[in-house]
PDB file of N, CA and C in Angstrom:
ATOM      1  N   MET A   1     -25.611  31.978 -67.141  1.00  0.00           N
ATOM      2  CA  MET A   1     -24.722  31.038 -68.322  1.00  0.00           C
ATOM      3  C   MET A   1     -23.859  30.505 -66.891  1.00  0.00           C
ATOM      4  N   ASN A   2     -23.255  30.287 -65.851  1.00  0.00           N
ATOM      5  CA  ASN A   2     -22.884  30.909 -64.979  1.00  0.00           C
ATOM      6  C   ASN A   2     -23.483  30.424 -63.765  1.00  0.00           C
ATOM      7  N   GLN A   3     -25.025  30.243 -63.599  1.00  0.00           N
ATOM      8  CA  GLN A   3     -25.468  29.849 -62.019  1.00  0.00           C
ATOM      9  C   GLN A   3     -25.582  27.665 -63.257  1.00  0.00           C
ATOM     10  N   LEU A   4     -25.961  28.187 -64.456  1.00  0.00           N
ATOM     11  CA  LEU A   4     -26.003  26.546 -65.216  1.00  0.00           C
ATOM     12  C   LEU A   4     -25.184  25.547 -65.066  1.00  0.00           C
ATOM     13  N   ALA A   5     -24.096  26.589 -64.937  1.00  0.00           N
ATOM     14  CA  ALA A   5     -22.609  25.552 -65.394  1.00  0.00           C
ATOM     15  C   ALA A   5     -22.001  24.975 -63.088  1.00  0.00           C
ATOM     16  N   MET A   6     -22.851  26.431 -63.100  1.00  0.00           N
ATOM     17  CA  MET A   6     -22.451  25.914 -61.229  1.00  0.00           C
ATOM     18  C   MET A   6     -23.506  24.969 -61.184  1.00  0.00           C
ATOM     19  N   GLY A   7     -24.997  25.299 -61.334  1.00  0.00           N
ATOM     20  CA  GLY A   7     -25.427  24.308 -60.922  1.00  0.00           C
ATOM     21  C   GLY A   7     -25.736  22.535 -61.938  1.00  0.00           C
ATOM     22  N   MET A   8     -24.497  22.562 -62.354  1.00  0.00           N
ATOM     23  CA  MET A   8     -24.420  21.186 -63.065  1.00  0.00           C
ATOM     24  C   MET A   8     -23.493  20.874 -62.178  1.00  0.00           C
ATOM     25  N   SER A   9     -22.393  21.251 -62.220  1.00  0.00           N
ATOM     26  CA  SER A   9     -21.609  21.165 -61.496  1.00  0.00           C
ATOM     27  C   SER A   9     -21.978  20.057 -60.030  1.00  0.00           C
ATOM     28  N   VAL A  10     -22.303  20.294 -59.686  1.00  0.00           N
ATOM     29  CA  VAL A  10     -23.102  19.731 -58.389  1.00  0.00           C
ATOM     30  C   VAL A  10     -23.608  18.344 -58.252  1.00  0.00           C
ATOM     31  N   ALA A  11     -24.279  17.932 -59.545  1.00  0.00           N
ATOM     32  CA  ALA A  11     -24.624  16.579 -59.679  1.00  0.00           C
ATOM     33  C   ALA A  11     -22.837  16.388 -60.622  1.00  0.00           C
ATOM     34  N   TRP A  12     -22.140  16.899 -61.754  1.00  0.00           N
ATOM     35  CA  TRP A  12     -20.924  16.375 -62.086  1.00  0.00           C
ATOM     36  C   TRP A  12     -19.801  16.269 -61.108  1.00  0.00           C
ATOM     37  N   LEU A  13     -19.745  16.605 -59.784  1.00  0.00           N
ATOM     38  CA  LEU A  13     -18.980  16.375 -58.722  1.00  0.00           C
ATOM     39  C   LEU A  13     -19.423  15.083 -58.355  1.00  0.00           C
ATOM     40  N   ILE A  14     -20.978  14.880 -57.914  1.00  0.00           N
ATOM     41  CA  ILE A  14     -20.974  13.827 -57.097  1.00  0.00           C
ATOM     42  C   ILE A  14     -20.989  12.343 -58.417  1.00  0.00           C
ATOM     43  N   GLY A  15     -20.780  12.105 -59.728  1.00  0.00           N
ATOM     44  CA  GLY A  15     -20.343  11.541 -60.571  1.00  0.00           C
ATOM     45  C   GLY A  15     -18.847  11.175 -60.613  1.00  0.00           C
ATOM     46  N   ILE A  16     -18.111  12.240 -59.965  1.00  0.00           N
ATOM     47  CA  ILE A  16     -16.841  12.553 -60.547  1.00  0.00           C
ATOM     48  C   ILE A  16     -16.758  11.727 -58.886  1.00  0.00           C
ATOM     49  N   VAL A  17     -17.492  11.273 -58.101  1.00  0.00           N
ATOM     50  CA  VAL A  17     -17.207  10.802 -56.553  1.00  0.00           C
ATOM     51  C   VAL A  17     -17.467   9.903 -56.677  1.00  0.00           C
ATOM     52  N   VAL A  18     -18.510   9.152 -57.547  1.00  0.00           N
ATOM     53  CA  VAL A  18     -18.438   8.041 -57.616  1.00  0.00           C
ATOM     54  C   VAL A  18     -18.116   6.768 -58.737  1.00  0.00           C
ATOM     55  N   TYR A  19     -18.013   7.353 -59.599  1.00  0.00           N
ATOM     56  CA  TYR A  19     -16.489   7.022 -60.543  1.00  0.00           C
ATOM     57  C   TYR A  19     -15.125   6.814 -59.649  1.00  0.00           C
ATOM     58  N   ALA A  20     -14.727   7.644 -59.365  1.00  0.00           N
ATOM     59  CA  ALA A  20     -13.585   7.350 -58.563  1.00  0.00           C
ATOM     60  C   ALA A  20     -13.631   6.110 -57.311  1.00  0.00           C
ATOM     61  N   ARG A  21     -14.906   6.235 -56.504  1.00  0.00           N
ATOM     62  CA  ARG A  21     -15.707   5.575 -55.303  1.00  0.00           C
ATOM     63  C   ARG A  21     -15.243   3.571 -56.274  1.00  0.00           C
ATOM     64  N   ASN A  22     -15.630   3.637 -57.315  1.00  0.00           N
ATOM     65  CA  ASN A  22     -15.287   2.090 -58.121  1.00  0.00           C
ATOM     66  C   ASN A  22     -14.361   2.270 -59.301  1.00  0.00           C
ATOM     67  N   ARG A  23     -13.491   3.007 -58.848  1.00  0.00           N
ATOM     68  CA  ARG A  23     -11.772   2.547 -59.159  1.00  0.00           C
ATOM     69  C   ARG A  23     -12.697   2.611 -60.799  1.00  0.00           C
ATOM     70  N   GLY A  24     -13.826   3.468 -61.504  1.00  0.00           N
ATOM     71  CA  GLY A  24     -13.819   3.750 -62.472  1.00  0.00           C
ATOM     72  C   GLY A  24     -14.595   1.944 -63.459  1.00  0.00           C
ATOM     73  N   LYS A  25     -14.863   1.092 -62.783  1.00  0.00           N
ATOM     74  CA  LYS A  25     -15.690   0.166 -62.532  1.00  0.00           C
ATOM     75  C   LYS A  25     -17.403   0.855 -62.843  1.00  0.00           C
ATOM     76  N   VAL A  26     -17.982   1.168 -64.443  1.00  0.00           N
ATOM     77  CA  VAL A  26     -18.889   1.603 -63.740  1.00  0.00           C
ATOM     78  C   VAL A  26     -19.979   1.001 -64.511  1.00  0.00           C
ATOM     79  N   SER A  27     -21.963   0.959 -64.488  1.00  0.00           N
ATOM     80  CA  SER A  27     -22.171   0.711 -65.759  1.00  0.00           C
ATOM     81  C   SER A  27     -22.157   1.665 -66.821  1.00  0.00           C
ATOM     82  N   HIS A  28     -22.561   0.790 -67.686  1.00  0.00           N
ATOM     83  CA  HIS A  28     -23.197   2.238 -68.799  1.00  0.00           C
ATOM     84  C   HIS A  28     -24.447   3.258 -68.262  1.00  0.00           C
ATOM     85  N   ARG A  29     -25.573   2.484 -67.740  1.00  0.00           N
ATOM     86  CA  ARG A  29     -26.251   3.544 -66.689  1.00  0.00           C
ATOM     87  C   ARG A  29     -26.026   4.431 -66.272  1.00  0.00           C
ATOM     88  N   PHE A  30     -24.535   5.073 -65.618  1.00  0.00           N
ATOM     89  CA  PHE A  30     -23.977   6.147 -65.366  1.00  0.00           C
ATOM     90  C   PHE A  30     -23.509   6.515 -66.071  1.00  0.00           C
ATOM     91  N   PHE A  31     -23.910   6.895 -67.448  1.00  0.00           N
ATOM     92  CA  PHE A  31     -23.060   7.927 -68.786  1.00  0.00           C
ATOM     93  C   PHE A  31     -24.629   8.035 -68.842  1.00  0.00           C
ATOM     94  N   TRP A  32     -25.223   7.711 -68.703  1.00  0.00           N
ATOM     95  CA  TRP A  32     -26.888   8.083 -68.617  1.00  0.00           C
ATOM     96  C   TRP A  32     -27.980   9.394 -68.143  1.00  0.00           C
ATOM     97  N   ILE A  33     -27.345   8.121 -66.297  1.00  0.00           N
ATOM     98  CA  ILE A  33     -28.010   8.892 -65.333  1.00  0.00           C
ATOM     99  C   ILE A  33     -26.978  10.172 -64.738  1.00  0.00           C
ATOM    100  N   THR A  34     -25.320  10.533 -64.857  1.00  0.00           N
ATOM    101  CA  THR A  34     -24.643  11.486 -64.779  1.00  0.00           C
ATOM    102  C   THR A  34     -25.775  12.339 -65.955  1.00  0.00           C
ATOM    103  N   PRO A  35     -25.641  12.697 -66.187  1.00  0.00           N
ATOM    104  CA  PRO A  35     -25.523  13.603 -67.212  1.00  0.00           C
ATOM    105  C   PRO A  35     -27.254  13.781 -67.266  1.00  0.00           C
ATOM    106  N   LEU A  36     -27.941  13.599 -67.648  1.00  0.00           N
ATOM    107  CA  LEU A  36     -30.114  13.237 -67.109  1.00  0.00           C
ATOM    108  C   LEU A  36     -29.705  14.189 -65.746  1.00  0.00           C
ATOM    109  N   CYS A  37     -29.256  13.405 -64.190  1.00  0.00           N
ATOM    110  CA  CYS A  37     -29.041  14.885 -62.946  1.00  0.00           C
ATOM    111  C   CYS A  37     -28.380  16.134 -63.502  1.00  0.00           C
ATOM    112  N   MET A  38     -27.543  16.601 -64.005  1.00  0.00           N
ATOM    113  CA  MET A  38     -26.518  17.215 -64.543  1.00  0.00           C
ATOM    114  C   MET A  38     -27.750  18.216 -64.678  1.00  0.00           C
ATOM    115  N   LEU A  39     -28.543  17.800 -66.132  1.00  0.00           N
ATOM    116  CA  LEU A  39     -29.313  18.200 -67.196  1.00  0.00           C
ATOM    117  C   LEU A  39     -30.244  18.840 -65.579  1.00  0.00           C
ATOM    118  N   MET A  40     -30.682  18.063 -65.188  1.00  0.00           N
ATOM    119  CA  MET A  40     -31.874  18.603 -63.926  1.00  0.00           C
ATOM    120  C   MET A  40     -31.396  19.529 -63.087  1.00  0.00           C
ATOM    121  N   VAL A  41     -30.418  19.534 -62.246  1.00  0.00           N
ATOM    122  CA  VAL A  41     -29.822  20.227 -61.758  1.00  0.00           C
ATOM    123  C   VAL A  41     -29.613  21.378 -62.106  1.00  0.00           C
ATOM    124  N   GLY A  42     -29.183  21.539 -63.726  1.00  0.00           N
ATOM    125  CA  GLY A  42     -28.854  22.638 -63.919  1.00  0.00           C
ATOM    126  C   GLY A  42     -30.071  23.679 -64.331  1.00  0.00           C
ATOM    127  N   LEU A  43     -30.917  22.855 -64.756  1.00  0.00           N
ATOM    128  CA  LEU A  43     -32.464  23.320 -64.433  1.00  0.00           C
ATOM    129  C   LEU A  43     -33.011  24.107 -63.485  1.00  0.00           C
ATOM    130  N   TRP A  44     -32.867  23.320 -62.219  1.00  0.00           N
ATOM    131  CA  TRP A  44     -33.121  23.868 -61.027  1.00  0.00           C
ATOM    132  C   TRP A  44     -32.138  25.030 -60.894  1.00  0.00           C
ATOM    133  N   ALA A  45     -31.522  24.998 -61.187  1.00  0.00           N
ATOM    134  CA  ALA A  45     -31.123  26.306 -60.751  1.00  0.00           C
ATOM    135  C   ALA A  45     -30.567  27.079 -61.530  1.00  0.00           C
ATOM    136  N   ILE A  46     -31.424  27.339 -63.028  1.00  0.00           N
ATOM    137  CA  ILE A  46     -32.229  28.540 -63.733  1.00  0.00           C
ATOM    138  C   ILE A  46     -33.707  29.197 -63.674  1.00  0.00           C
ATOM    139  N   ILE A  47     -34.534  28.788 -62.302  1.00  0.00           N
ATOM    140  CA  ILE A  47     -35.828  28.441 -62.262  1.00  0.00           C
ATOM    141  C   ILE A  47     -35.685  30.233 -62.444  1.00  0.00           C
ATOM    142  N   PRO A  48     -35.212  30.833 -61.719  1.00  0.00           N
ATOM    143  CA  PRO A  48     -35.368  32.205 -61.074  1.00  0.00           C
ATOM    144  C   PRO A  48     -36.060  32.874 -62.572  1.00  0.00           C
ATOM    145  N   ASP A  49     -34.489  32.895 -63.670  1.00  0.00           N
ATOM    146  CA  ASP A  49     -34.242  33.456 -65.073  1.00  0.00           C
ATOM    147  C   ASP A  49     -35.648  33.269 -66.073  1.00  0.00           C
ATOM    148  N   LEU A  50     -36.807  31.840 -66.281  1.00  0.00           N
ATOM    149  CA  LEU A  50     -37.518  31.127 -67.105  1.00  0.00           C
ATOM    150  C   LEU A  50     -37.902  32.784 -67.956  1.00  0.00           C
ATOM    151  N   PRO A  51     -38.490  33.293 -66.217  1.00  0.00           N
ATOM    152  CA  PRO A  51     -39.661  34.357 -66.708  1.00  0.00           C
ATOM    153  C   PRO A  51     -38.778  35.203 -67.741  1.00  0.00           C
ATOM    154  N   ARG A  52     -38.117  35.462 -68.174  1.00  0.00           N
ATOM    155  CA  ARG A  52     -37.060  36.543 -68.505  1.00  0.00           C
ATOM    156  C   ARG A  52     -37.236  35.463 -70.118  1.00  0.00           C
ATOM    157  N   LEU A  53     -37.319  34.525 -69.804  1.00  0.00           N
ATOM    158  CA  LEU A  53     -37.200  33.745 -71.531  1.00  0.00           C
ATOM    159  C   LEU A  53     -38.933  33.798 -71.586  1.00  0.00           C
ATOM    160  N   ALA A  54     -40.146  34.254 -70.659  1.00  0.00           N
ATOM    161  CA  ALA A  54     -41.444  34.272 -71.401  1.00  0.00           C
ATOM    162  C   ALA A  54     -40.887  35.496 -71.797  1.00  0.00           C
ATOM    163  N   GLY A  55     -40.702  36.742 -71.468  1.00  0.00           N
ATOM    164  CA  GLY A  55     -41.538  38.383 -71.615  1.00  0.00           C
ATOM    165  C   GLY A  55     -41.630  38.964 -70.820  1.00  0.00           C
ATOM    166  N   ASP A  56     -42.304  37.783 -69.433  1.00  0.00           N
ATOM    167  CA  ASP A  56     -42.113  38.629 -68.507  1.00  0.00           C
ATOM    168  C   ASP A  56     -40.659  39.218 -67.431  1.00  0.00           C
ATOM    169  N   THR A  57     -40.792  40.398 -68.057  1.00  0.00           N
ATOM    170  CA  THR A  57     -39.529  41.080 -66.706  1.00  0.00           C
ATOM    171  C   THR A  57     -39.629  41.405 -65.671  1.00  0.00           C
ATOM    172  N   ALA A  58     -40.966  41.730 -65.189  1.00  0.00           N
ATOM    173  CA  ALA A  58     -41.464  42.614 -64.100  1.00  0.00           C
ATOM    174  C   ALA A  58     -41.036  41.438 -63.425  1.00  0.00           C
ATOM    175  N   LEU A  59     -41.906  39.874 -63.205  1.00  0.00           N
ATOM    176  CA  LEU A  59     -41.906  39.482 -63.074  1.00  0.00           C
ATOM    177  C   LEU A  59     -40.009  38.693 -62.579  1.00  0.00           C
ATOM    178  N   TYR A  60     -39.565  38.743 -63.480  1.00  0.00           N
ATOM    179  CA  TYR A  60     -37.995  38.368 -63.208  1.00  0.00           C
ATOM    180  C   TYR A  60     -37.825  39.077 -62.954  1.00  0.00           C
ATOM    181  N   HIS A  61     -37.521  40.491 -62.705  1.00  0.00           N
ATOM    182  CA  HIS A  61     -36.931  41.557 -62.251  1.00  0.00           C
ATOM    183  C   HIS A  61     -37.145  41.534 -60.087  1.00  0.00           C
ATOM    184  N   ARG A  62     -38.661  40.301 -60.363  1.00  0.00           N
ATOM    185  CA  ARG A  62     -38.667  40.386 -58.704  1.00  0.00           C
ATOM    186  C   ARG A  62     -37.829  39.246 -57.838  1.00  0.00           C
ATOM    187  N   MET A  63     -38.284  38.405 -59.010  1.00  0.00           N
ATOM    188  CA  MET A  63     -37.237  37.782 -58.251  1.00  0.00           C
ATOM    189  C   MET A  63     -36.182  37.344 -58.326  1.00  0.00           C
ATOM    190  N   ALA A  64     -35.064  38.210 -59.222  1.00  0.00           N
ATOM    191  CA  ALA A  64     -34.184  38.951 -59.318  1.00  0.00           C
ATOM    192  C   ALA A  64     -33.254  39.570 -58.016  1.00  0.00           C
ATOM    193  N   HIS A  65     -34.103  40.351 -57.260  1.00  0.00           N
ATOM    194  CA  HIS A  65     -34.051  41.527 -55.980  1.00  0.00           C
ATOM    195  C   HIS A  65     -34.546  41.148 -54.966  1.00  0.00           C
ATOM    196  N   ASN A  66     -34.368  38.965 -55.477  1.00  0.00           N
ATOM    197  CA  ASN A  66     -35.048  38.801 -53.547  1.00  0.00           C
ATOM    198  C   ASN A  66     -34.228  37.204 -53.317  1.00  0.00           C
ATOM    199  N   PRO A  67     -33.593  37.424 -52.038  1.00  0.00           N
ATOM    200  CA  PRO A  67     -32.531  36.633 -51.358  1.00  0.00           C
ATOM    201  C   PRO A  67     -33.265  35.312 -51.006  1.00  0.00           C
ATOM    202  N   ARG A  68     -34.578  35.122 -51.857  1.00  0.00           N
ATOM    203  CA  ARG A  68     -35.205  33.921 -51.239  1.00  0.00           C
ATOM    204  C   ARG A  68     -34.745  32.413 -52.338  1.00  0.00           C
ATOM    205  N   MET A  69     -33.986  32.983 -53.760  1.00  0.00           N
ATOM    206  CA  MET A  69     -34.060  32.694 -54.811  1.00  0.00           C
ATOM    207  C   MET A  69     -32.463  31.805 -54.972  1.00  0.00           C
ATOM    208  N   ASP A  70     -31.951  32.276 -53.780  1.00  0.00           N
ATOM    209  CA  ASP A  70     -30.991  31.490 -53.802  1.00  0.00           C
ATOM    210  C   ASP A  70     -31.290  29.364 -52.814  1.00  0.00           C
ATOM    211  N   ILE A  71     -32.596  29.680 -53.230  1.00  0.00           N
ATOM    212  CA  ILE A  71     -33.031  28.591 -52.618  1.00  0.00           C
ATOM    213  C   ILE A  71     -32.031  27.541 -53.971  1.00  0.00           C
ATOM    214  N   PHE A  72     -32.281  28.350 -55.297  1.00  0.00           N
ATOM    215  CA  PHE A  72     -32.362  27.399 -56.309  1.00  0.00           C
ATOM    216  C   PHE A  72     -30.797  27.568 -56.507  1.00  0.00           C
ATOM    217  N   LEU A  73     -29.422  26.880 -56.183  1.00  0.00           N
ATOM    218  CA  LEU A  73     -28.677  26.485 -56.027  1.00  0.00           C
ATOM    219  C   LEU A  73     -27.789  28.333 -56.000  1.00  0.00           C
ATOM    220  N   PHE A  74     -27.903  28.764 -55.427  1.00  0.00           N
ATOM    221  CA  PHE A  74     -28.038  30.266 -54.449  1.00  0.00           C
ATOM    222  C   PHE A  74     -27.624  30.905 -55.968  1.00  0.00           C
ATOM    223  N   HIS A  75     -28.262  30.899 -56.606  1.00  0.00           N
ATOM    224  CA  HIS A  75     -28.742  31.635 -57.578  1.00  0.00           C
ATOM    225  C   HIS A  75     -28.658  32.743 -57.520  1.00  0.00           C
ATOM    226  N   TYR A  76     -29.234  33.419 -56.225  1.00  0.00           N
ATOM    227  CA  TYR A  76     -29.630  35.199 -56.537  1.00  0.00           C
ATOM    228  C   TYR A  76     -28.066  35.721 -56.232  1.00  0.00           C
ATOM    229  N   THR A  77     -26.893  34.965 -54.610  1.00  0.00           N
ATOM    230  CA  THR A  77     -25.771  35.255 -55.099  1.00  0.00           C
ATOM    231  C   THR A  77     -25.050  35.001 -55.237  1.00  0.00           C
ATOM    232  N   ILE A  78     -25.201  34.318 -56.609  1.00  0.00           N
ATOM    233  CA  ILE A  78     -24.778  34.315 -57.889  1.00  0.00           C
ATOM    234  C   ILE A  78     -24.345  35.318 -58.701  1.00  0.00           C
ATOM    235  N   ASP A  79     -25.735  35.717 -58.924  1.00  0.00           N
ATOM    236  CA  ASP A  79     -25.943  37.222 -59.737  1.00  0.00           C
ATOM    237  C   ASP A  79     -25.819  38.201 -59.676  1.00  0.00           C
ATOM    238  N   GLN A  80     -24.935  38.813 -57.638  1.00  0.00           N
ATOM    239  CA  GLN A  80     -24.918  39.300 -57.273  1.00  0.00           C
ATOM    240  C   GLN A  80     -22.976  39.560 -57.404  1.00  0.00           C
ATOM    241  N   ILE A  81     -22.238  38.416 -57.647  1.00  0.00           N
ATOM    242  CA  ILE A  81     -21.438  38.592 -57.822  1.00  0.00           C
ATOM    243  C   ILE A  81     -20.767  38.013 -59.220  1.00  0.00           C
ATOM    244  N   GLU A  82     -21.547  38.088 -60.363  1.00  0.00           N
ATOM    245  CA  GLU A  82     -20.896  37.631 -61.429  1.00  0.00           C
ATOM    246  C   GLU A  82     -20.620  38.963 -62.474  1.00  0.00           C
ATOM    247  N   SER A  83     -19.113  38.331 -63.324  1.00  0.00           N
ATOM    248  CA  SER A  83     -19.385  38.760 -64.351  1.00  0.00           C
ATOM    249  C   SER A  83     -19.493  38.324 -65.442  1.00  0.00           C
ATOM    250  N   ASP A  84     -18.904  39.264 -66.657  1.00  0.00           N
ATOM    251  CA  ASP A  84     -19.223  38.909 -68.103  1.00  0.00           C
ATOM    252  C   ASP A  84     -18.580  37.277 -68.260  1.00  0.00           C
ATOM    253  N   ALA A  85     -17.611  37.034 -68.009  1.00  0.00           N
ATOM    254  CA  ALA A  85     -15.947  36.559 -67.955  1.00  0.00           C
ATOM    255  C   ALA A  85     -16.745  35.422 -68.560  1.00  0.00           C
ATOM    256  N   PRO A  86     -16.529  34.124 -69.074  1.00  0.00           N
ATOM    257  CA  PRO A  86     -16.555  33.740 -69.683  1.00  0.00           C
ATOM    258  C   PRO A  86     -16.334  32.214 -69.497  1.00  0.00           C
ATOM    259  N   TRP A  87     -16.098  32.039 -67.541  1.00  0.00           N
ATOM    260  CA  TRP A  87     -16.182  31.379 -67.192  1.00  0.00           C
ATOM    261  C   TRP A  87     -16.708  29.871 -66.765  1.00  0.00           C
ATOM    262  N   GLY A  88     -17.560  30.392 -67.089  1.00  0.00           N
ATOM    263  CA  GLY A  88     -19.011  29.405 -67.158  1.00  0.00           C
ATOM    264  C   GLY A  88     -19.020  28.152 -68.207  1.00  0.00           C
ATOM    265  N   MET A  89     -18.735  28.981 -69.894  1.00  0.00           N
ATOM    266  CA  MET A  89     -18.827  28.289 -70.502  1.00  0.00           C
ATOM    267  C   MET A  89     -17.607  27.395 -70.728  1.00  0.00           C
ATOM    268  N   ALA A  90     -16.549  27.849 -69.857  1.00  0.00           N
ATOM    269  CA  ALA A  90     -15.259  26.715 -70.024  1.00  0.00           C
ATOM    270  C   ALA A  90     -15.572  26.540 -68.888  1.00  0.00           C
ATOM    271  N   LEU A  91     -16.488  26.163 -67.451  1.00  0.00           N
ATOM    272  CA  LEU A  91     -16.605  24.983 -66.699  1.00  0.00           C
ATOM    273  C   LEU A  91     -17.621  23.938 -67.694  1.00  0.00           C
ATOM    274  N   LEU A  92     -18.282  24.284 -68.479  1.00  0.00           N
ATOM    275  CA  LEU A  92     -19.493  23.052 -68.606  1.00  0.00           C
ATOM    276  C   LEU A  92     -17.476  22.303 -69.826  1.00  0.00           C
ATOM    277  N   ALA A  93     -17.484  23.050 -70.870  1.00  0.00           N
ATOM    278  CA  ALA A  93     -16.710  22.012 -71.906  1.00  0.00           C
ATOM    279  C   ALA A  93     -15.919  20.755 -70.060  1.00  0.00           C
ATOM    280  N   ILE A  94     -15.155  21.916 -69.482  1.00  0.00           N
ATOM    281  CA  ILE A  94     -14.250  20.407 -69.163  1.00  0.00           C
ATOM    282  C   ILE A  94     -15.147  19.148 -68.394  1.00  0.00           C
ATOM    283  N   GLN A  95     -16.390  19.525 -67.027  1.00  0.00           N
ATOM    284  CA  GLN A  95     -17.691  19.312 -67.514  1.00  0.00           C
ATOM    285  C   GLN A  95     -17.890  17.993 -68.866  1.00  0.00           C
ATOM    286  N   ALA A  96     -17.899  18.456 -70.100  1.00  0.00           N
ATOM    287  CA  ALA A  96     -18.860  17.221 -70.920  1.00  0.00           C
ATOM    288  C   ALA A  96     -17.077  16.123 -71.287  1.00  0.00           C
ATOM    289  N   ILE A  97     -16.162  17.443 -71.540  1.00  0.00           N
ATOM    290  CA  ILE A  97     -14.828  16.437 -71.770  1.00  0.00           C
ATOM    291  C   ILE A  97     -14.501  15.481 -70.871  1.00  0.00           C
ATOM    292  N   SER A  98     -14.100  15.641 -69.459  1.00  0.00           N
ATOM    293  CA  SER A  98     -14.024  14.727 -68.676  1.00  0.00           C
ATOM    294  C   SER A  98     -15.748  13.958 -68.477  1.00  0.00           C
ATOM    295  N   LEU A  99     -16.508  13.820 -68.462  1.00  0.00           N
ATOM    296  CA  LEU A  99     -16.987  12.892 -68.292  1.00  0.00           C
ATOM    297  C   LEU A  99     -17.298  11.971 -70.039  1.00  0.00           C
ATOM    298  N   GLN A 100     -16.373  12.662 -70.664  1.00  0.00           N
ATOM    299  CA  GLN A 100     -15.988  11.900 -72.369  1.00  0.00           C
ATOM    300  C   GLN A 100     -14.926  10.667 -72.664  1.00  0.00           C
ATOM    301  N   ILE A 101     -13.636  11.746 -71.406  1.00  0.00           N
ATOM    302  CA  ILE A 101     -12.475  10.191 -70.917  1.00  0.00           C
ATOM    303  C   ILE A 101     -13.045   9.888 -70.245  1.00  0.00           C
ATOM    304  N   MET A 102     -14.261   9.724 -69.227  1.00  0.00           N
ATOM    305  CA  MET A 102     -14.672   8.762 -68.038  1.00  0.00           C
ATOM    306  C   MET A 102     -14.862   7.103 -69.090  1.00  0.00           C
ATOM    307  N   GLN A 103     -15.764   7.945 -69.925  1.00  0.00           N
ATOM    308  CA  GLN A 103     -16.560   6.564 -71.226  1.00  0.00           C
ATOM    309  C   GLN A 103     -15.479   5.686 -71.632  1.00  0.00           C
ATOM    310  N   LEU A 104     -14.607   6.771 -72.234  1.00  0.00           N
ATOM    311  CA  LEU A 104     -13.445   5.827 -72.866  1.00  0.00           C
ATOM    312  C   LEU A 104     -12.271   5.061 -72.002  1.00  0.00           C
ATOM    313  N   LEU A 105     -12.485   5.233 -71.240  1.00  0.00           N
ATOM    314  CA  LEU A 105     -11.773   5.073 -69.619  1.00  0.00           C
ATOM    315  C   LEU A 105     -12.053   3.085 -69.389  1.00  0.00           C
ATOM    316  N   ASN A 106     -13.434   3.364 -69.124  1.00  0.00           N
ATOM    317  CA  ASN A 106     -14.586   2.359 -69.010  1.00  0.00           C
ATOM    318  C   ASN A 106     -14.639   1.494 -70.033  1.00  0.00           C
ATOM    319  N   LEU A 107     -14.983   2.200 -71.064  1.00  0.00           N
ATOM    320  CA  LEU A 107     -15.014   1.200 -72.170  1.00  0.00           C
ATOM    321  C   LEU A 107     -13.939   0.836 -72.366  1.00  0.00           C
ATOM    322  N   ARG A 108     -12.368   0.739 -72.361  1.00  0.00           N
ATOM    323  CA  ARG A 108     -11.233   0.314 -72.031  1.00  0.00           C
ATOM    324  C   ARG A 108     -11.451  -0.776 -71.452  1.00  0.00           C
ATOM    325  N   GLN A 109     -11.606  -1.000 -70.122  1.00  0.00           N
ATOM    326  CA  GLN A 109     -11.122  -1.241 -69.129  1.00  0.00           C
ATOM    327  C   GLN A 109     -12.451  -2.584 -69.218  1.00  0.00           C
ATOM    328  N   ILE A 110     -13.453  -2.724 -69.944  1.00  0.00           N
ATOM    329  CA  ILE A 110     -13.965  -3.504 -70.317  1.00  0.00           C
ATOM    330  C   ILE A 110     -13.794  -3.975 -70.964  1.00  0.00           C
ATOM    331  N   GLU A 111     -13.592  -3.515 -72.188  1.00  0.00           N
ATOM    332  CA  GLU A 111     -13.119  -4.755 -73.334  1.00  0.00           C
ATOM    333  C   GLU A 111     -11.455  -5.971 -73.097  1.00  0.00           C
ATOM    334  N   LYS A 112     -10.789  -4.965 -72.205  1.00  0.00           N
ATOM    335  CA  LYS A 112      -9.270  -5.769 -71.616  1.00  0.00           C
ATOM    336  C   LYS A 112     -10.039  -6.969 -70.636  1.00  0.00           C
ATOM    337  N   GLY A 113     -10.865  -6.502 -70.790  1.00  0.00           N
ATOM    338  CA  GLY A 113     -12.111  -8.433 -69.985  1.00  0.00           C
ATOM    339  C   GLY A 113     -11.025  -8.612 -68.331  1.00  0.00           C
ATOM    340  N   PRO A 114     -11.663  -9.395 -67.942  1.00  0.00           N
ATOM    341  CA  PRO A 114     -11.026  -9.352 -66.006  1.00  0.00           C
ATOM    342  C   PRO A 114      -9.701 -10.087 -66.618  1.00  0.00           C
ATOM    343  N   ARG A 115      -8.861  -9.505 -65.280  1.00  0.00           N
ATOM    344  CA  ARG A 115      -7.391 -10.496 -65.509  1.00  0.00           C
ATOM    345  C   ARG A 115      -7.827 -12.044 -64.298  1.00  0.00           C
ATOM    346  N   PRO A 116      -6.574 -12.509 -64.936  1.00  0.00           N
ATOM    347  CA  PRO A 116      -6.827 -13.450 -63.830  1.00  0.00           C
ATOM    348  C   PRO A 116      -5.605 -13.751 -63.065  1.00  0.00           C
TER     349      PRO A 116
END
């Protein structure tokens, strides 16, 4: 879970920077592209866990103990230091809520229209 949350954070932070740089004036595509990129980067981050889901525990353990798995957004390093704390779920909730808030603020700005 922690790899997924941290992986998604990369695209989420880029989205926050883009949103702030444009001062909240983004197109509706932003709210499709940002979550899609978050999903893709999050999936990239958990690739080393996929053999476990498929039932191949031998391959999973070989990958889990291989420092080269850091190419998947520091997957190996995170495995070495992670705990069972639920901060991954909290981070995912913060990401989802902040995207919703940005979308509502953007919609409100569109409804106001341009100022004379």
